[in-house]
Amino acid sequence: MAQPKQERAEQTRRALLHAAAEVFDEFGYAGAGITRILKRAGVTAGALYFHFGSKEGLAKAVMNSQPETIVPLLAAGGLQRLIDLTLVWSWQLQRDPLLRAGVRLTNEQASVSSSLDSDPYENFRGIMTKCLTDARDDGELQPGVDPVVVAEFVVAACTGMQMYSNVVCGRKDLPERTQQMWNLLLPGIAVPSVIARADSTPARGASMMP
């Protein structure tokens, strides 16, 4: 039976996205030639322009695909869900080219374009805000804690933390640094009972890896 046209188109799109992620991860935006991406994906230039419009459009798609590498692996709710998101992120950055490329492109964009895309940060802020809002509604947060403020802080902290870890050791210690972040942050935002049961250990993150 012939493969449905829509299914083939989606497979082509995913092949382009993942091939581009590998090339962007290895060479950065400036060094990632379209020809190299097409060869790795095994598709034509027409497919790239049909699905993404341009190299810039492809890069933006990679940047905004970051949550797809993390969120499907999460099962917990509330504050533990937010902690789990950062734990999975800390492990996936060591192994998933799509996430690594998205992070690299997001950080590099100021040097290659005058039009900056804040969506990658805003996407994570939105996901984290939802976790914290649920945590607040369930009585897990201290009175007066603003979910949006905390979410923005965690996004900024993780951004800087992974950059520092990458320079120091290729992100090998990022799960431990993530645990340290929560050891510092939880006493300021969570009620004691939640702090007692919250698990921010690297082992928890590793257990969620596919």
C-alpha atoms as a PDB file:
ATOM      1  CA  MET A   1       0.000   0.000   0.000  1.00  0.00           C
ATOM      2  CA  ALA A   2       1.357   3.418  -0.931  1.00  0.00           C
ATOM      3  CA  GLN A   3       2.396   5.612   1.949  1.00  0.00           C
ATOM      4  CA  PRO A   4      -0.068   8.498   2.446  1.00  0.00           C
ATOM      5  CA  LYS A   5       1.208  11.794   1.028  1.00  0.00           C
ATOM      6  CA  GLN A   6       0.759  13.623   4.322  1.00  0.00           C
ATOM      7  CA  GLU A   7       2.747  10.977   6.187  1.00  0.00           C
ATOM      8  CA  ARG A   8       5.584  11.151   3.655  1.00  0.00           C
ATOM      9  CA  ALA A   9       5.644  14.931   3.924  1.00  0.00           C
ATOM     10  CA  GLU A  10       5.889  14.753   7.712  1.00  0.00           C
ATOM     11  CA  GLN A  11       8.706  12.212   7.506  1.00  0.00           C
ATOM     12  CA  THR A  12      10.567  14.504   5.110  1.00  0.00           C
ATOM     13  CA  ARG A  13      10.060  17.440   7.449  1.00  0.00           C
ATOM     14  CA  ARG A  14      11.347  15.461  10.435  1.00  0.00           C
ATOM     15  CA  ALA A  15      14.340  14.204   8.456  1.00  0.00           C
ATOM     16  CA  LEU A  16      15.249  17.767   7.526  1.00  0.00           C
ATOM     17  CA  LEU A  17      14.773  18.994  11.072  1.00  0.00           C
ATOM     18  CA  HIS A  18      17.000  16.320  12.603  1.00  0.00           C
ATOM     19  CA  ALA A  19      19.658  16.515   9.891  1.00  0.00           C
ATOM     20  CA  ALA A  20      19.777  20.290  10.274  1.00  0.00           C
ATOM     21  CA  ALA A  21      20.045  19.916  14.041  1.00  0.00           C
ATOM     22  CA  GLU A  22      23.073  17.651  13.677  1.00  0.00           C
ATOM     23  CA  VAL A  23      24.765  20.070  11.279  1.00  0.00           C
ATOM     24  CA  PHE A  24      23.907  23.177  13.324  1.00  0.00           C
ATOM     25  CA  ASP A  25      25.145  21.407  16.439  1.00  0.00           C
ATOM     26  CA  GLU A  26      28.473  20.590  14.776  1.00  0.00           C
ATOM     27  CA  PHE A  27      29.105  23.774  12.800  1.00  0.00           C
ATOM     28  CA  GLY A  28      26.843  26.514  14.135  1.00  0.00           C
ATOM     29  CA  TYR A  29      24.534  28.589  11.950  1.00  0.00           C
ATOM     30  CA  ALA A  30      27.242  30.271   9.878  1.00  0.00           C
ATOM     31  CA  GLY A  31      29.077  27.028   9.173  1.00  0.00           C
ATOM     32  CA  ALA A  32      26.021  24.940   8.379  1.00  0.00           C
ATOM     33  CA  GLY A  33      25.712  24.923   4.586  1.00  0.00           C
ATOM     34  CA  ILE A  34      22.404  24.036   2.981  1.00  0.00           C
ATOM     35  CA  THR A  35      24.101  21.466   0.763  1.00  0.00           C
ATOM     36  CA  ARG A  36      25.482  19.658   3.811  1.00  0.00           C
ATOM     37  CA  ILE A  37      22.062  19.625   5.463  1.00  0.00           C
ATOM     38  CA  LEU A  38      20.342  18.315   2.335  1.00  0.00           C
ATOM     39  CA  LYS A  39      22.917  15.571   1.856  1.00  0.00           C
ATOM     40  CA  ARG A  40      22.569  14.412   5.453  1.00  0.00           C
ATOM     41  CA  ALA A  41      18.771  14.452   5.257  1.00  0.00           C
ATOM     42  CA  GLY A  42      18.723  12.767   1.854  1.00  0.00           C
ATOM     43  CA  VAL A  43      16.209  15.234   0.413  1.00  0.00           C
ATOM     44  CA  THR A  44      16.098  17.925  -2.260  1.00  0.00           C
ATOM     45  CA  ALA A  45      16.397  21.681  -1.908  1.00  0.00           C
ATOM     46  CA  GLY A  46      12.767  21.923  -2.965  1.00  0.00           C
ATOM     47  CA  ALA A  47      11.733  19.985   0.130  1.00  0.00           C
ATOM     48  CA  LEU A  48      13.646  22.358   2.390  1.00  0.00           C
ATOM     49  CA  TYR A  49      12.083  25.454   0.861  1.00  0.00           C
ATOM     50  CA  PHE A  50       8.625  23.883   0.856  1.00  0.00           C
ATOM     51  CA  HIS A  51       8.683  22.985   4.552  1.00  0.00           C
ATOM     52  CA  PHE A  52      10.781  25.789   6.022  1.00  0.00           C
ATOM     53  CA  GLY A  53      11.134  28.511   3.409  1.00  0.00           C
ATOM     54  CA  SER A  54      14.828  29.180   4.042  1.00  0.00           C
ATOM     55  CA  LYS A  55      17.842  28.231   6.099  1.00  0.00           C
ATOM     56  CA  GLU A  56      16.747  30.834   8.645  1.00  0.00           C
ATOM     57  CA  GLY A  57      13.290  29.290   8.814  1.00  0.00           C
ATOM     58  CA  LEU A  58      14.848  25.876   9.359  1.00  0.00           C
ATOM     59  CA  ALA A  59      17.035  27.255  12.152  1.00  0.00           C
ATOM     60  CA  LYS A  60      14.006  28.802  13.856  1.00  0.00           C
ATOM     61  CA  ALA A  61      12.180  25.490  13.657  1.00  0.00           C
ATOM     62  CA  VAL A  62      15.135  23.767  15.334  1.00  0.00           C
ATOM     63  CA  MET A  63      15.252  26.423  18.063  1.00  0.00           C
ATOM     64  CA  ASN A  64      11.554  26.085  18.781  1.00  0.00           C
ATOM     65  CA  SER A  65      11.608  22.275  18.838  1.00  0.00           C
ATOM     66  CA  GLN A  66      13.521  22.162  22.123  1.00  0.00           C
ATOM     67  CA  PRO A  67      10.528  21.337  24.357  1.00  0.00           C
ATOM     68  CA  GLU A  68       9.691  18.336  22.140  1.00  0.00           C
ATOM     69  CA  THR A  69      12.864  16.635  23.361  1.00  0.00           C
ATOM     70  CA  ILE A  70      11.883  17.022  27.025  1.00  0.00           C
ATOM     71  CA  VAL A  71       8.167  17.403  27.763  1.00  0.00           C
ATOM     72  CA  PRO A  72       7.057  13.962  26.455  1.00  0.00           C
ATOM     73  CA  LEU A  73       9.323  12.331  29.060  1.00  0.00           C
ATOM     74  CA  LEU A  74       7.644  14.051  32.029  1.00  0.00           C
ATOM     75  CA  ALA A  75       4.975  12.351  34.129  1.00  0.00           C
ATOM     76  CA  ALA A  76       4.872  14.199  37.475  1.00  0.00           C
ATOM     77  CA  GLY A  77       2.847  17.318  38.194  1.00  0.00           C
ATOM     78  CA  GLY A  78       3.317  20.596  40.027  1.00  0.00           C
ATOM     79  CA  LEU A  79       6.712  21.581  41.340  1.00  0.00           C
ATOM     80  CA  GLN A  80       8.197  18.125  40.796  1.00  0.00           C
ATOM     81  CA  ARG A  81       7.247  18.402  37.113  1.00  0.00           C
ATOM     82  CA  LEU A  82       9.281  21.610  36.851  1.00  0.00           C
ATOM     83  CA  ILE A  83      12.220  19.993  38.615  1.00  0.00           C
ATOM     84  CA  ASP A  84      11.942  16.984  36.308  1.00  0.00           C
ATOM     85  CA  LEU A  85      11.905  19.245  33.263  1.00  0.00           C
ATOM     86  CA  THR A  86      15.258  20.719  34.255  1.00  0.00           C
ATOM     87  CA  LEU A  87      16.704  17.316  35.170  1.00  0.00           C
ATOM     88  CA  VAL A  88      15.744  15.777  31.823  1.00  0.00           C
ATOM     89  CA  TRP A  89      17.052  18.899  30.080  1.00  0.00           C
ATOM     90  CA  SER A  90      20.403  18.510  31.857  1.00  0.00           C
ATOM     91  CA  TRP A  91      20.782  14.941  30.564  1.00  0.00           C
ATOM     92  CA  GLN A  92      19.315  15.490  27.111  1.00  0.00           C
ATOM     93  CA  LEU A  93      21.780  18.303  26.399  1.00  0.00           C
ATOM     94  CA  GLN A  94      24.510  15.677  26.564  1.00  0.00           C
ATOM     95  CA  ARG A  95      22.869  13.314  24.095  1.00  0.00           C
ATOM     96  CA  ASP A  96      20.203  14.936  21.896  1.00  0.00           C
ATOM     97  CA  PRO A  97      21.455  16.921  18.872  1.00  0.00           C
ATOM     98  CA  LEU A  98      18.069  18.586  18.375  1.00  0.00           C
ATOM     99  CA  LEU A  99      18.132  20.089  21.863  1.00  0.00           C
ATOM    100  CA  ARG A 100      21.834  20.997  21.662  1.00  0.00           C
ATOM    101  CA  ALA A 101      21.399  22.646  18.285  1.00  0.00           C
ATOM    102  CA  GLY A 102      18.387  24.587  19.516  1.00  0.00           C
ATOM    103  CA  VAL A 103      20.373  25.876  22.474  1.00  0.00           C
ATOM    104  CA  ARG A 104      23.382  26.738  20.314  1.00  0.00           C
ATOM    105  CA  LEU A 105      21.300  28.587  17.733  1.00  0.00           C
ATOM    106  CA  THR A 106      19.383  30.484  20.401  1.00  0.00           C
ATOM    107  CA  ASN A 107      22.655  31.647  21.930  1.00  0.00           C
ATOM    108  CA  GLU A 108      24.283  32.441  18.576  1.00  0.00           C
ATOM    109  CA  GLN A 109      21.437  34.339  16.955  1.00  0.00           C
ATOM    110  CA  ALA A 110      22.594  37.767  18.123  1.00  0.00           C
ATOM    111  CA  SER A 111      25.788  37.328  16.120  1.00  0.00           C
ATOM    112  CA  VAL A 112      24.149  36.167  12.880  1.00  0.00           C
ATOM    113  CA  SER A 113      20.896  38.146  12.665  1.00  0.00           C
ATOM    114  CA  SER A 114      19.522  41.541  13.597  1.00  0.00           C
ATOM    115  CA  SER A 115      16.108  39.945  14.141  1.00  0.00           C
ATOM    116  CA  LEU A 116      16.168  38.086  17.453  1.00  0.00           C
ATOM    117  CA  ASP A 117      13.699  35.315  18.236  1.00  0.00           C
ATOM    118  CA  SER A 118      12.766  35.103  21.915  1.00  0.00           C
ATOM    119  CA  ASP A 119      10.289  32.254  21.354  1.00  0.00           C
ATOM    120  CA  PRO A 120      12.640  29.486  22.590  1.00  0.00           C
ATOM    121  CA  TYR A 121      12.926  31.231  25.953  1.00  0.00           C
ATOM    122  CA  GLU A 122       9.257  32.186  26.036  1.00  0.00           C
ATOM    123  CA  ASN A 123       8.181  28.629  25.242  1.00  0.00           C
ATOM    124  CA  PHE A 124      10.065  27.277  28.239  1.00  0.00           C
ATOM    125  CA  ARG A 125       8.861  30.145  30.410  1.00  0.00           C
ATOM    126  CA  GLY A 126       5.280  29.254  29.531  1.00  0.00           C
ATOM    127  CA  ILE A 127       5.754  25.578  30.328  1.00  0.00           C
ATOM    128  CA  MET A 128       7.466  26.394  33.620  1.00  0.00           C
ATOM    129  CA  THR A 129       4.838  28.972  34.568  1.00  0.00           C
ATOM    130  CA  LYS A 130       2.126  26.321  34.120  1.00  0.00           C
ATOM    131  CA  CYS A 131       4.032  23.923  36.427  1.00  0.00           C
ATOM    132  CA  LEU A 132       4.414  26.636  39.054  1.00  0.00           C
ATOM    133  CA  THR A 133       0.806  27.795  38.761  1.00  0.00           C
ATOM    134  CA  ASP A 134      -0.340  24.218  39.348  1.00  0.00           C
ATOM    135  CA  ALA A 135       2.072  23.990  42.290  1.00  0.00           C
ATOM    136  CA  ARG A 136       0.665  27.209  43.761  1.00  0.00           C
ATOM    137  CA  ASP A 137      -2.916  26.006  43.348  1.00  0.00           C
ATOM    138  CA  ASP A 138      -1.984  22.767  45.140  1.00  0.00           C
ATOM    139  CA  GLY A 139      -0.460  24.659  48.077  1.00  0.00           C
ATOM    140  CA  GLU A 140       3.130  23.710  47.235  1.00  0.00           C
ATOM    141  CA  LEU A 141       4.498  27.263  47.072  1.00  0.00           C
ATOM    142  CA  GLN A 142       5.095  29.770  49.820  1.00  0.00           C
ATOM    143  CA  PRO A 143       2.641  32.689  50.001  1.00  0.00           C
ATOM    144  CA  GLY A 144       3.478  35.527  47.640  1.00  0.00           C
ATOM    145  CA  VAL A 145       5.620  33.469  45.236  1.00  0.00           C
ATOM    146  CA  ASP A 146       4.910  34.617  41.671  1.00  0.00           C
ATOM    147  CA  PRO A 147       4.994  31.709  39.171  1.00  0.00           C
ATOM    148  CA  VAL A 148       6.010  33.973  36.276  1.00  0.00           C
ATOM    149  CA  VAL A 149       8.914  35.527  38.180  1.00  0.00           C
ATOM    150  CA  VAL A 150      10.214  32.127  39.281  1.00  0.00           C
ATOM    151  CA  ALA A 151       9.807  30.694  35.777  1.00  0.00           C
ATOM    152  CA  GLU A 152      11.786  33.558  34.248  1.00  0.00           C
ATOM    153  CA  PHE A 153      14.506  33.098  36.849  1.00  0.00           C
ATOM    154  CA  VAL A 154      14.782  29.356  36.170  1.00  0.00           C
ATOM    155  CA  VAL A 155      14.990  29.935  32.401  1.00  0.00           C
ATOM    156  CA  ALA A 156      17.740  32.511  32.907  1.00  0.00           C
ATOM    157  CA  ALA A 157      19.581  30.377  35.476  1.00  0.00           C
ATOM    158  CA  CYS A 158      19.516  27.298  33.249  1.00  0.00           C
ATOM    159  CA  THR A 159      20.709  29.321  30.261  1.00  0.00           C
ATOM    160  CA  GLY A 160      23.747  30.607  32.091  1.00  0.00           C
ATOM    161  CA  MET A 161      24.376  27.332  33.900  1.00  0.00           C
ATOM    162  CA  GLN A 162      24.569  25.241  30.740  1.00  0.00           C
ATOM    163  CA  MET A 163      26.877  27.773  29.071  1.00  0.00           C
ATOM    164  CA  TYR A 164      29.250  27.703  32.034  1.00  0.00           C
ATOM    165  CA  SER A 165      29.118  23.912  32.269  1.00  0.00           C
ATOM    166  CA  ASN A 166      29.746  23.557  28.535  1.00  0.00           C
ATOM    167  CA  VAL A 167      32.919  25.634  28.735  1.00  0.00           C
ATOM    168  CA  VAL A 168      34.169  23.932  31.889  1.00  0.00           C
ATOM    169  CA  CYS A 169      33.509  20.275  31.047  1.00  0.00           C
ATOM    170  CA  GLY A 170      31.313  19.837  27.987  1.00  0.00           C
ATOM    171  CA  ARG A 171      28.176  19.797  30.194  1.00  0.00           C
ATOM    172  CA  LYS A 172      29.177  16.550  31.912  1.00  0.00           C
ATOM    173  CA  ASP A 173      28.413  18.049  35.326  1.00  0.00           C
ATOM    174  CA  LEU A 174      25.156  19.738  34.290  1.00  0.00           C
ATOM    175  CA  PRO A 175      22.879  17.295  36.174  1.00  0.00           C
ATOM    176  CA  GLU A 176      24.818  17.966  39.389  1.00  0.00           C
ATOM    177  CA  ARG A 177      24.681  21.712  38.784  1.00  0.00           C
ATOM    178  CA  THR A 178      20.942  21.442  38.244  1.00  0.00           C
ATOM    179  CA  GLN A 179      20.554  19.728  41.602  1.00  0.00           C
ATOM    180  CA  GLN A 180      22.616  22.476  43.230  1.00  0.00           C
ATOM    181  CA  MET A 181      20.323  25.087  41.689  1.00  0.00           C
ATOM    182  CA  TRP A 182      17.282  23.462  43.272  1.00  0.00           C
ATOM    183  CA  ASN A 183      19.039  23.066  46.623  1.00  0.00           C
ATOM    184  CA  LEU A 184      19.434  26.843  46.617  1.00  0.00           C
ATOM    185  CA  LEU A 185      16.058  27.740  45.133  1.00  0.00           C
ATOM    186  CA  LEU A 186      13.575  25.411  46.830  1.00  0.00           C
ATOM    187  CA  PRO A 187      13.884  26.881  50.354  1.00  0.00           C
ATOM    188  CA  GLY A 188      12.869  30.258  48.930  1.00  0.00           C
ATOM    189  CA  ILE A 189       9.768  29.151  47.028  1.00  0.00           C
ATOM    190  CA  ALA A 190       8.396  25.860  48.387  1.00  0.00           C
ATOM    191  CA  VAL A 191       6.674  24.896  51.633  1.00  0.00           C
ATOM    192  CA  PRO A 192       8.666  22.561  53.936  1.00  0.00           C
ATOM    193  CA  SER A 193       6.617  19.446  53.174  1.00  0.00           C
ATOM    194  CA  VAL A 194       7.283  19.810  49.449  1.00  0.00           C
ATOM    195  CA  ILE A 195      10.982  20.425  49.996  1.00  0.00           C
ATOM    196  CA  ALA A 196      11.152  17.208  52.009  1.00  0.00           C
ATOM    197  CA  ARG A 197       9.705  15.077  49.223  1.00  0.00           C
ATOM    198  CA  ALA A 198      11.077  16.877  46.159  1.00  0.00           C
ATOM    199  CA  ASP A 199      13.674  14.865  44.236  1.00  0.00           C
ATOM    200  CA  SER A 200      16.225  16.851  42.254  1.00  0.00           C
ATOM    201  CA  THR A 201      18.939  14.179  42.114  1.00  0.00           C
ATOM    202  CA  PRO A 202      20.722  13.436  38.839  1.00  0.00           C
ATOM    203  CA  ALA A 203      19.644   9.814  39.240  1.00  0.00           C
ATOM    204  CA  ARG A 204      15.988  10.800  38.901  1.00  0.00           C
ATOM    205  CA  GLY A 205      16.713  12.564  35.646  1.00  0.00           C
ATOM    206  CA  ALA A 206      18.715   9.627  34.341  1.00  0.00           C
ATOM    207  CA  SER A 207      15.822   7.266  35.129  1.00  0.00           C
ATOM    208  CA  MET A 208      13.582   9.226  32.758  1.00  0.00           C
ATOM    209  CA  MET A 209      15.895   8.976  29.786  1.00  0.00           C
ATOM    210  CA  PRO A 210      14.472   6.968  26.860  1.00  0.00           C
END
